[in-house]
Amino acid sequence: MKYLIWILVILLAIWAFKRSRRVKSDAPKEQPPTPATPTNMAVCLHCGIHLPQDEAVTGEKGLYCSAEHRAAAQDRNPV
């Protein structure tokens, strides 16, 4: 009878330990940061590099990666 009580106490302790670990792992985890929204890409008419459209330099013939490439293509500013 004495051993039966000890076995029950040990089993109860193991059960409580496992349950406490499971409750901690079920806690809500931090959400990963949301990725940045994709932007439209443009191609430089002079060198062919891809860049975000909001960073492109506008010319009458199209978009360029820099003012130097717009000038090299002998294009003017549309404004």
Foldseek 3Di string as FASTA:
>chain_A
DVVVVVVVVVVVVVVVVVVVVVVVVPPDDDDDDDDDDDADWDAAPQPGDIDGPVQWQAFPVGTHNDVVSCVVVVTHRPD
